[in-house]
Amino acid sequence: MGSIILAATPLGNIGDASARLRELLSTADVVAAEDTRTLAQLARALGTTIRGRTVAHHEHNEAHSAPELVRLAAEGATVVMVSDAGMPLVSDPGFRLVQAAVAAGVDVTCAPGPSAVTTALALSGLPSDRFAFDGFVPRKEGERRRWLSEVAEDSRTLVFFESPHRLAATLQAMSEVFGPDRPACVCRELTKLHEEVVRGHLAGLAEWAGAGTVRGEIVVVVQGHQPDQTTPDLETLVSVVEERVSAGEKLKSVVKEVAAAAPGVATRDLYNAVLARREA
């Protein structure tokens, strides 16, 4: 049995192509590409000759193409799948192919490499320990706002793709839904000659995008929701406790709940402060 290999291609800088990618393109029995013309240009830039078959595998024919590629791999072929740029499957074709291969028991592996998602995340200067990639922002205004509302409270750093002509409207919608002061970053033309990384707050970025013509491939990175960590002073919390106790709740239960909701406040300290006020 052969195998299916998902191979990452450069985002723009041809120097990012791995030695393994070069080898796979020159030795594979079949190379499935999102666009065979782009594949031919890549091979020329790499100085590599593709000796196997090249076939188109894109979003419009994936349902038909995937079973055939799996059949070829099952019969012993090495099938390499590439997208136009970056990692296959990440807002690019490939999911149906992997799903079909897994179901058929065909080996699937990966030749990792460039990814616009992780590149933008690294350059953004925003927290990268927890993040969520949400693909392309919906085109229609109503759908876009509903979608943004669903992720507005997510504490993870958010990564989106967007087209340049919709960028200003999307940043403005984010500013209104997430808040104008939410830190964010717009990455344009990553690894290419005119790479640009613009950092700031959503309101300022929306103004920047609306002031001129933004071109190229766009990735937007937005800091996740940060709850207000301001801790009320102890006297205020004591007043909250006393008000609830006077309404009939039990002191110890109220103190425990109020302290749990106030970052940095210990239950014992709040309880002692309540007793101190009563003794004063």
C-alpha atoms as a PDB file:
ATOM      1  CA  MET A   1       0.000   0.000   0.000  1.00  0.00           C
ATOM      2  CA  GLY A   2       1.154   3.511  -0.769  1.00  0.00           C
ATOM      3  CA  SER A   3       0.419   6.660   1.223  1.00  0.00           C
ATOM      4  CA  ILE A   4      -0.974  10.163   1.084  1.00  0.00           C
ATOM      5  CA  ILE A   5       1.366  12.976   2.123  1.00  0.00           C
ATOM      6  CA  LEU A   6       0.107  16.460   2.929  1.00  0.00           C
ATOM      7  CA  ALA A   7       2.894  18.879   2.012  1.00  0.00           C
ATOM      8  CA  ALA A   8       3.137  22.524   3.051  1.00  0.00           C
ATOM      9  CA  THR A   9       4.315  25.022   0.429  1.00  0.00           C
ATOM     10  CA  PRO A  10       5.820  28.515   0.861  1.00  0.00           C
ATOM     11  CA  LEU A  11       3.484  31.404   1.645  1.00  0.00           C
ATOM     12  CA  GLY A  12       5.539  33.676  -0.591  1.00  0.00           C
ATOM     13  CA  ASN A  13       9.257  33.400   0.066  1.00  0.00           C
ATOM     14  CA  ILE A  14      10.483  30.468  -1.987  1.00  0.00           C
ATOM     15  CA  GLY A  15      13.376  30.050   0.441  1.00  0.00           C
ATOM     16  CA  ASP A  16      10.925  28.626   2.969  1.00  0.00           C
ATOM     17  CA  ALA A  17      10.450  25.469   0.881  1.00  0.00           C
ATOM     18  CA  SER A  18      11.851  22.446   2.667  1.00  0.00           C
ATOM     19  CA  ALA A  19      14.256  19.928   1.184  1.00  0.00           C
ATOM     20  CA  ARG A  20      11.584  17.326   1.843  1.00  0.00           C
ATOM     21  CA  LEU A  21       9.042  19.223  -0.269  1.00  0.00           C
ATOM     22  CA  ARG A  22      11.493  19.306  -3.171  1.00  0.00           C
ATOM     23  CA  GLU A  23      12.104  15.577  -2.855  1.00  0.00           C
ATOM     24  CA  LEU A  24       8.407  14.731  -2.635  1.00  0.00           C
ATOM     25  CA  LEU A  25       7.498  16.767  -5.707  1.00  0.00           C
ATOM     26  CA  SER A  26      10.191  15.053  -7.750  1.00  0.00           C
ATOM     27  CA  THR A  27       9.547  11.488  -6.583  1.00  0.00           C
ATOM     28  CA  ALA A  28       5.790  11.231  -5.973  1.00  0.00           C
ATOM     29  CA  ASP A  29       3.704   9.057  -8.245  1.00  0.00           C
ATOM     30  CA  VAL A  30       0.869  11.585  -8.085  1.00  0.00           C
ATOM     31  CA  VAL A  31       0.855  15.252  -7.050  1.00  0.00           C
ATOM     32  CA  ALA A  32      -2.605  16.611  -6.282  1.00  0.00           C
ATOM     33  CA  ALA A  33      -2.710  20.400  -6.357  1.00  0.00           C
ATOM     34  CA  GLU A  34      -5.297  23.068  -5.648  1.00  0.00           C
ATOM     35  CA  ASP A  35      -4.183  24.714  -8.903  1.00  0.00           C
ATOM     36  CA  THR A  36      -1.917  22.788 -11.277  1.00  0.00           C
ATOM     37  CA  ARG A  37      -0.667  26.039 -12.840  1.00  0.00           C
ATOM     38  CA  THR A  38       0.479  27.302  -9.454  1.00  0.00           C
ATOM     39  CA  LEU A  39       2.119  23.931  -8.864  1.00  0.00           C
ATOM     40  CA  ALA A  40       4.027  24.231 -12.150  1.00  0.00           C
ATOM     41  CA  GLN A  41       5.247  27.705 -11.171  1.00  0.00           C
ATOM     42  CA  LEU A  42       6.367  26.384  -7.783  1.00  0.00           C
ATOM     43  CA  ALA A  43       8.289  23.513  -9.365  1.00  0.00           C
ATOM     44  CA  ARG A  44      10.072  25.900 -11.733  1.00  0.00           C
ATOM     45  CA  ALA A  45      10.979  28.239  -8.867  1.00  0.00           C
ATOM     46  CA  LEU A  46      12.375  25.291  -6.910  1.00  0.00           C
ATOM     47  CA  GLY A  47      14.270  23.923  -9.891  1.00  0.00           C
ATOM     48  CA  THR A  48      12.381  20.670  -9.448  1.00  0.00           C
ATOM     49  CA  THR A  49      10.947  18.390 -12.111  1.00  0.00           C
ATOM     50  CA  ILE A  50       7.639  16.709 -11.312  1.00  0.00           C
ATOM     51  CA  ARG A  51       7.902  13.241 -12.832  1.00  0.00           C
ATOM     52  CA  GLY A  52       4.610  11.825 -11.615  1.00  0.00           C
ATOM     53  CA  ARG A  53       1.039  12.651 -12.644  1.00  0.00           C
ATOM     54  CA  THR A  54      -0.360  16.015 -11.639  1.00  0.00           C
ATOM     55  CA  VAL A  55      -4.075  16.240 -10.915  1.00  0.00           C
ATOM     56  CA  ALA A  56      -6.355  19.030  -9.790  1.00  0.00           C
ATOM     57  CA  HIS A  57      -7.799  18.679  -6.301  1.00  0.00           C
ATOM     58  CA  HIS A  58      -9.777  21.717  -5.159  1.00  0.00           C
ATOM     59  CA  GLU A  59     -12.974  22.662  -3.368  1.00  0.00           C
ATOM     60  CA  HIS A  60     -15.120  22.204  -6.485  1.00  0.00           C
ATOM     61  CA  ASN A  61     -14.012  18.666  -7.332  1.00  0.00           C
ATOM     62  CA  GLU A  62     -12.819  17.336  -3.960  1.00  0.00           C
ATOM     63  CA  ALA A  63     -15.821  15.065  -3.435  1.00  0.00           C
ATOM     64  CA  HIS A  64     -15.050  13.307  -6.727  1.00  0.00           C
ATOM     65  CA  SER A  65     -11.256  13.544  -6.601  1.00  0.00           C
ATOM     66  CA  ALA A  66     -10.681  12.284  -3.046  1.00  0.00           C
ATOM     67  CA  PRO A  67     -11.919   8.682  -3.596  1.00  0.00           C
ATOM     68  CA  GLU A  68      -9.775   8.364  -6.726  1.00  0.00           C
ATOM     69  CA  LEU A  69      -6.638   9.577  -4.924  1.00  0.00           C
ATOM     70  CA  VAL A  70      -7.324   7.172  -2.063  1.00  0.00           C
ATOM     71  CA  ARG A  71      -7.746   4.331  -4.587  1.00  0.00           C
ATOM     72  CA  LEU A  72      -4.388   5.142  -6.147  1.00  0.00           C
ATOM     73  CA  ALA A  73      -2.689   5.207  -2.735  1.00  0.00           C
ATOM     74  CA  ALA A  74      -4.353   1.909  -1.781  1.00  0.00           C
ATOM     75  CA  GLU A  75      -2.891   0.369  -4.946  1.00  0.00           C
ATOM     76  CA  GLY A  76       0.615   1.458  -3.981  1.00  0.00           C
ATOM     77  CA  ALA A  77       1.036   5.030  -5.225  1.00  0.00           C
ATOM     78  CA  THR A  78       2.670   7.806  -3.240  1.00  0.00           C
ATOM     79  CA  VAL A  79       0.211  10.701  -3.464  1.00  0.00           C
ATOM     80  CA  VAL A  80       1.391  14.170  -2.445  1.00  0.00           C
ATOM     81  CA  MET A  81      -1.256  16.832  -1.870  1.00  0.00           C
ATOM     82  CA  VAL A  82      -0.418  20.567  -1.876  1.00  0.00           C
ATOM     83  CA  SER A  83      -2.475  23.743  -1.712  1.00  0.00           C
ATOM     84  CA  ASP A  84      -1.555  27.030  -3.394  1.00  0.00           C
ATOM     85  CA  ALA A  85       0.307  28.267  -0.304  1.00  0.00           C
ATOM     86  CA  GLY A  86       0.828  27.097   3.246  1.00  0.00           C
ATOM     87  CA  MET A  87      -0.605  24.025   4.915  1.00  0.00           C
ATOM     88  CA  PRO A  88      -3.336  21.986   3.187  1.00  0.00           C
ATOM     89  CA  LEU A  89      -6.680  21.715   5.020  1.00  0.00           C
ATOM     90  CA  VAL A  90      -6.255  25.092   6.822  1.00  0.00           C
ATOM     91  CA  SER A  91      -9.054  26.924   4.981  1.00  0.00           C
ATOM     92  CA  ASP A  92      -7.870  24.956   1.944  1.00  0.00           C
ATOM     93  CA  PRO A  93      -8.867  21.625   0.344  1.00  0.00           C
ATOM     94  CA  GLY A  94      -7.759  18.341   1.877  1.00  0.00           C
ATOM     95  CA  PHE A  95     -10.215  17.443   4.631  1.00  0.00           C
ATOM     96  CA  ARG A  96     -12.297  15.098   2.478  1.00  0.00           C
ATOM     97  CA  LEU A  97      -9.151  13.426   1.207  1.00  0.00           C
ATOM     98  CA  VAL A  98      -7.863  12.736   4.718  1.00  0.00           C
ATOM     99  CA  GLN A  99     -11.300  11.607   5.874  1.00  0.00           C
ATOM    100  CA  ALA A 100     -11.598   9.175   2.957  1.00  0.00           C
ATOM    101  CA  ALA A 101      -8.058   7.858   3.473  1.00  0.00           C
ATOM    102  CA  VAL A 102      -8.652   7.218   7.169  1.00  0.00           C
ATOM    103  CA  ALA A 103     -11.886   5.399   6.401  1.00  0.00           C
ATOM    104  CA  ALA A 104     -10.098   3.228   3.829  1.00  0.00           C
ATOM    105  CA  GLY A 105      -7.159   2.464   6.104  1.00  0.00           C
ATOM    106  CA  VAL A 106      -4.689   4.265   3.846  1.00  0.00           C
ATOM    107  CA  ASP A 107      -1.651   5.770   5.558  1.00  0.00           C
ATOM    108  CA  VAL A 108      -1.675   9.580   5.817  1.00  0.00           C
ATOM    109  CA  THR A 109       1.318  11.606   6.902  1.00  0.00           C
ATOM    110  CA  CYS A 110       2.491  15.205   6.674  1.00  0.00           C
ATOM    111  CA  ALA A 111       5.505  17.144   5.459  1.00  0.00           C
ATOM    112  CA  PRO A 112       4.979  20.212   7.671  1.00  0.00           C
ATOM    113  CA  GLY A 113       6.011  23.709   6.813  1.00  0.00           C
ATOM    114  CA  PRO A 114       4.743  27.288   6.454  1.00  0.00           C
ATOM    115  CA  SER A 115       1.342  28.285   7.831  1.00  0.00           C
ATOM    116  CA  ALA A 116      -0.146  31.776   7.689  1.00  0.00           C
ATOM    117  CA  VAL A 117      -2.035  31.130  10.929  1.00  0.00           C
ATOM    118  CA  THR A 118       0.940  30.388  13.151  1.00  0.00           C
ATOM    119  CA  THR A 119       3.168  32.920  11.373  1.00  0.00           C
ATOM    120  CA  ALA A 120       0.695  35.740  12.026  1.00  0.00           C
ATOM    121  CA  LEU A 121       0.169  34.595  15.604  1.00  0.00           C
ATOM    122  CA  ALA A 122       3.908  34.664  16.265  1.00  0.00           C
ATOM    123  CA  LEU A 123       4.310  38.139  14.756  1.00  0.00           C
ATOM    124  CA  SER A 124       1.257  39.669  16.438  1.00  0.00           C
ATOM    125  CA  GLY A 125       2.788  40.162  19.867  1.00  0.00           C
ATOM    126  CA  LEU A 126      -0.441  38.824  21.381  1.00  0.00           C
ATOM    127  CA  PRO A 127      -0.735  35.831  23.753  1.00  0.00           C
ATOM    128  CA  SER A 128      -0.005  32.601  21.901  1.00  0.00           C
ATOM    129  CA  ASP A 129      -0.413  30.022  24.671  1.00  0.00           C
ATOM    130  CA  ARG A 130      -4.098  29.548  23.785  1.00  0.00           C
ATOM    131  CA  PHE A 131      -5.594  30.550  20.446  1.00  0.00           C
ATOM    132  CA  ALA A 132      -8.480  29.744  18.113  1.00  0.00           C
ATOM    133  CA  PHE A 133      -8.450  29.857  14.323  1.00  0.00           C
ATOM    134  CA  ASP A 134     -11.841  30.734  12.857  1.00  0.00           C
ATOM    135  CA  GLY A 135     -11.186  30.745   9.124  1.00  0.00           C
ATOM    136  CA  PHE A 136     -12.688  33.435   6.922  1.00  0.00           C
ATOM    137  CA  VAL A 137     -15.003  36.065   8.375  1.00  0.00           C
ATOM    138  CA  PRO A 138     -18.568  35.772   6.981  1.00  0.00           C
ATOM    139  CA  ARG A 139     -19.186  38.134   4.079  1.00  0.00           C
ATOM    140  CA  LYS A 140     -22.688  39.393   4.876  1.00  0.00           C
ATOM    141  CA  GLU A 141     -22.926  42.067   7.556  1.00  0.00           C
ATOM    142  CA  GLY A 142     -25.665  40.391   9.594  1.00  0.00           C
ATOM    143  CA  GLU A 143     -23.935  37.005   9.600  1.00  0.00           C
ATOM    144  CA  ARG A 144     -20.617  38.659  10.393  1.00  0.00           C
ATOM    145  CA  ARG A 145     -21.978  40.443  13.457  1.00  0.00           C
ATOM    146  CA  ARG A 146     -23.735  37.333  14.755  1.00  0.00           C
ATOM    147  CA  TRP A 147     -20.538  35.341  14.296  1.00  0.00           C
ATOM    148  CA  LEU A 148     -18.425  37.956  16.046  1.00  0.00           C
ATOM    149  CA  SER A 149     -20.913  38.065  18.915  1.00  0.00           C
ATOM    150  CA  GLU A 150     -20.467  34.320  19.389  1.00  0.00           C
ATOM    151  CA  VAL A 151     -16.698  34.663  19.914  1.00  0.00           C
ATOM    152  CA  ALA A 152     -16.677  38.028  21.690  1.00  0.00           C
ATOM    153  CA  GLU A 153     -16.314  36.432  25.143  1.00  0.00           C
ATOM    154  CA  ASP A 154     -13.698  33.866  24.082  1.00  0.00           C
ATOM    155  CA  SER A 155     -10.576  34.367  26.206  1.00  0.00           C
ATOM    156  CA  ARG A 156      -8.290  32.797  23.592  1.00  0.00           C
ATOM    157  CA  THR A 157      -6.399  34.853  21.022  1.00  0.00           C
ATOM    158  CA  LEU A 158      -8.463  34.779  17.813  1.00  0.00           C
ATOM    159  CA  VAL A 159      -7.037  34.374  14.308  1.00  0.00           C
ATOM    160  CA  PHE A 160      -9.088  35.160  11.185  1.00  0.00           C
ATOM    161  CA  PHE A 161      -8.575  35.338   7.433  1.00  0.00           C
ATOM    162  CA  GLU A 162     -10.094  38.268   5.549  1.00  0.00           C
ATOM    163  CA  SER A 163     -10.074  39.663   2.043  1.00  0.00           C
ATOM    164  CA  PRO A 164      -8.498  43.119   1.610  1.00  0.00           C
ATOM    165  CA  HIS A 165     -11.618  44.832   0.270  1.00  0.00           C
ATOM    166  CA  ARG A 166     -13.677  43.764   3.310  1.00  0.00           C
ATOM    167  CA  LEU A 167     -10.974  44.391   5.911  1.00  0.00           C
ATOM    168  CA  ALA A 168     -12.049  47.892   6.966  1.00  0.00           C
ATOM    169  CA  ALA A 169     -15.694  46.858   7.452  1.00  0.00           C
ATOM    170  CA  THR A 170     -14.679  43.776   9.422  1.00  0.00           C
ATOM    171  CA  LEU A 171     -12.322  45.698  11.706  1.00  0.00           C
ATOM    172  CA  GLN A 172     -15.053  48.280  12.308  1.00  0.00           C
ATOM    173  CA  ALA A 173     -17.532  45.529  13.190  1.00  0.00           C
ATOM    174  CA  MET A 174     -14.972  43.946  15.530  1.00  0.00           C
ATOM    175  CA  SER A 175     -14.409  47.315  17.172  1.00  0.00           C
ATOM    176  CA  GLU A 176     -18.136  47.666  17.807  1.00  0.00           C
ATOM    177  CA  VAL A 177     -18.700  44.062  18.965  1.00  0.00           C
ATOM    178  CA  PHE A 178     -15.439  43.403  20.843  1.00  0.00           C
ATOM    179  CA  GLY A 179     -14.817  46.975  21.978  1.00  0.00           C
ATOM    180  CA  PRO A 180     -12.622  49.670  20.390  1.00  0.00           C
ATOM    181  CA  ASP A 181      -9.705  49.161  22.797  1.00  0.00           C
ATOM    182  CA  ARG A 182      -9.226  45.423  22.138  1.00  0.00           C
ATOM    183  CA  PRO A 183      -5.572  44.867  21.017  1.00  0.00           C
ATOM    184  CA  ALA A 184      -5.225  43.376  17.547  1.00  0.00           C
ATOM    185  CA  CYS A 185      -2.844  42.940  14.638  1.00  0.00           C
ATOM    186  CA  VAL A 186      -3.222  42.882  10.860  1.00  0.00           C
ATOM    187  CA  CYS A 187      -0.648  40.848   8.911  1.00  0.00           C
ATOM    188  CA  ARG A 188      -0.421  41.406   5.178  1.00  0.00           C
ATOM    189  CA  GLU A 189       1.555  39.522   2.516  1.00  0.00           C
ATOM    190  CA  LEU A 190       3.415  37.347   5.027  1.00  0.00           C
ATOM    191  CA  THR A 191       6.996  36.402   3.980  1.00  0.00           C
ATOM    192  CA  LYS A 192       6.590  38.301   0.706  1.00  0.00           C
ATOM    193  CA  LEU A 193       8.439  41.399  -0.517  1.00  0.00           C
ATOM    194  CA  HIS A 194       5.782  43.801   0.765  1.00  0.00           C
ATOM    195  CA  GLU A 195       5.099  42.077   4.080  1.00  0.00           C
ATOM    196  CA  GLU A 196       3.434  44.422   6.562  1.00  0.00           C
ATOM    197  CA  VAL A 197       2.481  43.878  10.200  1.00  0.00           C
ATOM    198  CA  VAL A 198       0.308  46.581  11.784  1.00  0.00           C
ATOM    199  CA  ARG A 199      -0.387  46.368  15.521  1.00  0.00           C
ATOM    200  CA  GLY A 200      -2.743  48.478  17.600  1.00  0.00           C
ATOM    201  CA  HIS A 201      -6.312  48.573  18.900  1.00  0.00           C
ATOM    202  CA  LEU A 202      -9.348  47.657  16.827  1.00  0.00           C
ATOM    203  CA  ALA A 203     -10.632  51.231  16.490  1.00  0.00           C
ATOM    204  CA  GLY A 204      -7.282  52.507  15.248  1.00  0.00           C
ATOM    205  CA  LEU A 205      -6.792  49.569  12.893  1.00  0.00           C
ATOM    206  CA  ALA A 206     -10.270  50.102  11.432  1.00  0.00           C
ATOM    207  CA  GLU A 207      -9.390  53.741  10.785  1.00  0.00           C
ATOM    208  CA  TRP A 208      -6.057  52.721   9.216  1.00  0.00           C
ATOM    209  CA  ALA A 209      -7.690  50.160   6.919  1.00  0.00           C
ATOM    210  CA  GLY A 210     -10.394  52.623   5.855  1.00  0.00           C
ATOM    211  CA  ALA A 211      -7.922  55.397   5.052  1.00  0.00           C
ATOM    212  CA  GLY A 212      -6.253  53.685   2.112  1.00  0.00           C
ATOM    213  CA  THR A 213      -6.185  50.683  -0.178  1.00  0.00           C
ATOM    214  CA  VAL A 214      -5.054  47.490   1.521  1.00  0.00           C
ATOM    215  CA  ARG A 215      -3.912  44.724  -0.794  1.00  0.00           C
ATOM    216  CA  GLY A 216      -2.710  41.155  -0.560  1.00  0.00           C
ATOM    217  CA  GLU A 217      -3.371  38.154   1.669  1.00  0.00           C
ATOM    218  CA  ILE A 218      -4.668  39.231   5.080  1.00  0.00           C
ATOM    219  CA  VAL A 219      -4.570  37.569   8.502  1.00  0.00           C
ATOM    220  CA  VAL A 220      -6.162  39.303  11.488  1.00  0.00           C
ATOM    221  CA  VAL A 221      -5.144  38.416  15.049  1.00  0.00           C
ATOM    222  CA  VAL A 222      -7.243  39.707  17.965  1.00  0.00           C
ATOM    223  CA  GLN A 223      -6.557  39.402  21.670  1.00  0.00           C
ATOM    224  CA  GLY A 224      -9.116  37.310  23.518  1.00  0.00           C
ATOM    225  CA  HIS A 225     -11.652  38.712  25.954  1.00  0.00           C
ATOM    226  CA  GLN A 226     -10.036  39.789  29.196  1.00  0.00           C
ATOM    227  CA  PRO A 227     -12.517  39.977  32.108  1.00  0.00           C
ATOM    228  CA  ASP A 228     -12.266  42.997  34.335  1.00  0.00           C
ATOM    229  CA  GLN A 229      -9.806  41.952  37.006  1.00  0.00           C
ATOM    230  CA  THR A 230     -10.309  45.033  39.148  1.00  0.00           C
ATOM    231  CA  THR A 231     -11.009  43.907  42.704  1.00  0.00           C
ATOM    232  CA  PRO A 232     -13.545  45.987  44.656  1.00  0.00           C
ATOM    233  CA  ASP A 233     -12.221  47.303  47.947  1.00  0.00           C
ATOM    234  CA  LEU A 234     -12.957  45.216  51.034  1.00  0.00           C
ATOM    235  CA  GLU A 235     -15.383  47.754  52.503  1.00  0.00           C
ATOM    236  CA  THR A 236     -17.544  47.572  49.384  1.00  0.00           C
ATOM    237  CA  LEU A 237     -17.604  43.773  49.560  1.00  0.00           C
ATOM    238  CA  VAL A 238     -18.557  43.930  53.251  1.00  0.00           C
ATOM    239  CA  SER A 239     -21.517  46.151  52.349  1.00  0.00           C
ATOM    240  CA  VAL A 240     -22.605  43.631  49.696  1.00  0.00           C
ATOM    241  CA  VAL A 241     -22.432  40.825  52.242  1.00  0.00           C
ATOM    242  CA  GLU A 242     -24.407  42.718  54.882  1.00  0.00           C
ATOM    243  CA  GLU A 243     -27.097  43.658  52.380  1.00  0.00           C
ATOM    244  CA  ARG A 244     -27.619  40.031  51.398  1.00  0.00           C
ATOM    245  CA  VAL A 245     -27.549  38.824  55.001  1.00  0.00           C
ATOM    246  CA  SER A 246     -30.161  41.401  55.973  1.00  0.00           C
ATOM    247  CA  ALA A 247     -32.329  39.973  53.178  1.00  0.00           C
ATOM    248  CA  GLY A 248     -32.273  36.584  54.872  1.00  0.00           C
ATOM    249  CA  GLU A 249     -29.217  34.755  53.503  1.00  0.00           C
ATOM    250  CA  LYS A 250     -26.708  32.985  55.762  1.00  0.00           C
ATOM    251  CA  LEU A 251     -23.517  34.877  56.534  1.00  0.00           C
ATOM    252  CA  LYS A 252     -20.959  32.136  55.812  1.00  0.00           C
ATOM    253  CA  SER A 253     -22.577  31.152  52.513  1.00  0.00           C
ATOM    254  CA  VAL A 254     -22.737  34.749  51.315  1.00  0.00           C
ATOM    255  CA  VAL A 255     -19.129  35.458  52.330  1.00  0.00           C
ATOM    256  CA  LYS A 256     -17.952  32.383  50.414  1.00  0.00           C
ATOM    257  CA  GLU A 257     -19.840  33.349  47.233  1.00  0.00           C
ATOM    258  CA  VAL A 258     -18.827  37.017  47.284  1.00  0.00           C
ATOM    259  CA  ALA A 259     -15.157  36.188  47.927  1.00  0.00           C
ATOM    260  CA  ALA A 260     -15.141  33.609  45.109  1.00  0.00           C
ATOM    261  CA  ALA A 261     -16.388  36.264  42.666  1.00  0.00           C
ATOM    262  CA  ALA A 262     -13.748  38.813  43.727  1.00  0.00           C
ATOM    263  CA  PRO A 263     -10.253  37.974  42.379  1.00  0.00           C
ATOM    264  CA  GLY A 264      -7.594  38.053  45.079  1.00  0.00           C
ATOM    265  CA  VAL A 265      -9.987  38.198  48.038  1.00  0.00           C
ATOM    266  CA  ALA A 266      -9.737  35.387  50.592  1.00  0.00           C
ATOM    267  CA  THR A 267     -12.914  34.113  52.237  1.00  0.00           C
ATOM    268  CA  ARG A 268     -11.339  34.387  55.692  1.00  0.00           C
ATOM    269  CA  ASP A 269     -10.295  38.016  55.153  1.00  0.00           C
ATOM    270  CA  LEU A 270     -13.779  39.002  54.012  1.00  0.00           C
ATOM    271  CA  TYR A 271     -15.405  37.160  56.924  1.00  0.00           C
ATOM    272  CA  ASN A 272     -13.091  38.881  59.426  1.00  0.00           C
ATOM    273  CA  ALA A 273     -13.820  42.269  57.834  1.00  0.00           C
ATOM    274  CA  VAL A 274     -17.576  41.689  58.268  1.00  0.00           C
ATOM    275  CA  LEU A 275     -17.079  40.809  61.950  1.00  0.00           C
ATOM    276  CA  ALA A 276     -14.804  43.824  62.451  1.00  0.00           C
ATOM    277  CA  ARG A 277     -17.463  46.201  61.113  1.00  0.00           C
ATOM    278  CA  ARG A 278     -20.089  44.672  63.361  1.00  0.00           C
ATOM    279  CA  GLU A 279     -17.874  45.102  66.407  1.00  0.00           C
ATOM    280  CA  ALA A 280     -16.950  48.682  65.583  1.00  0.00           C
END
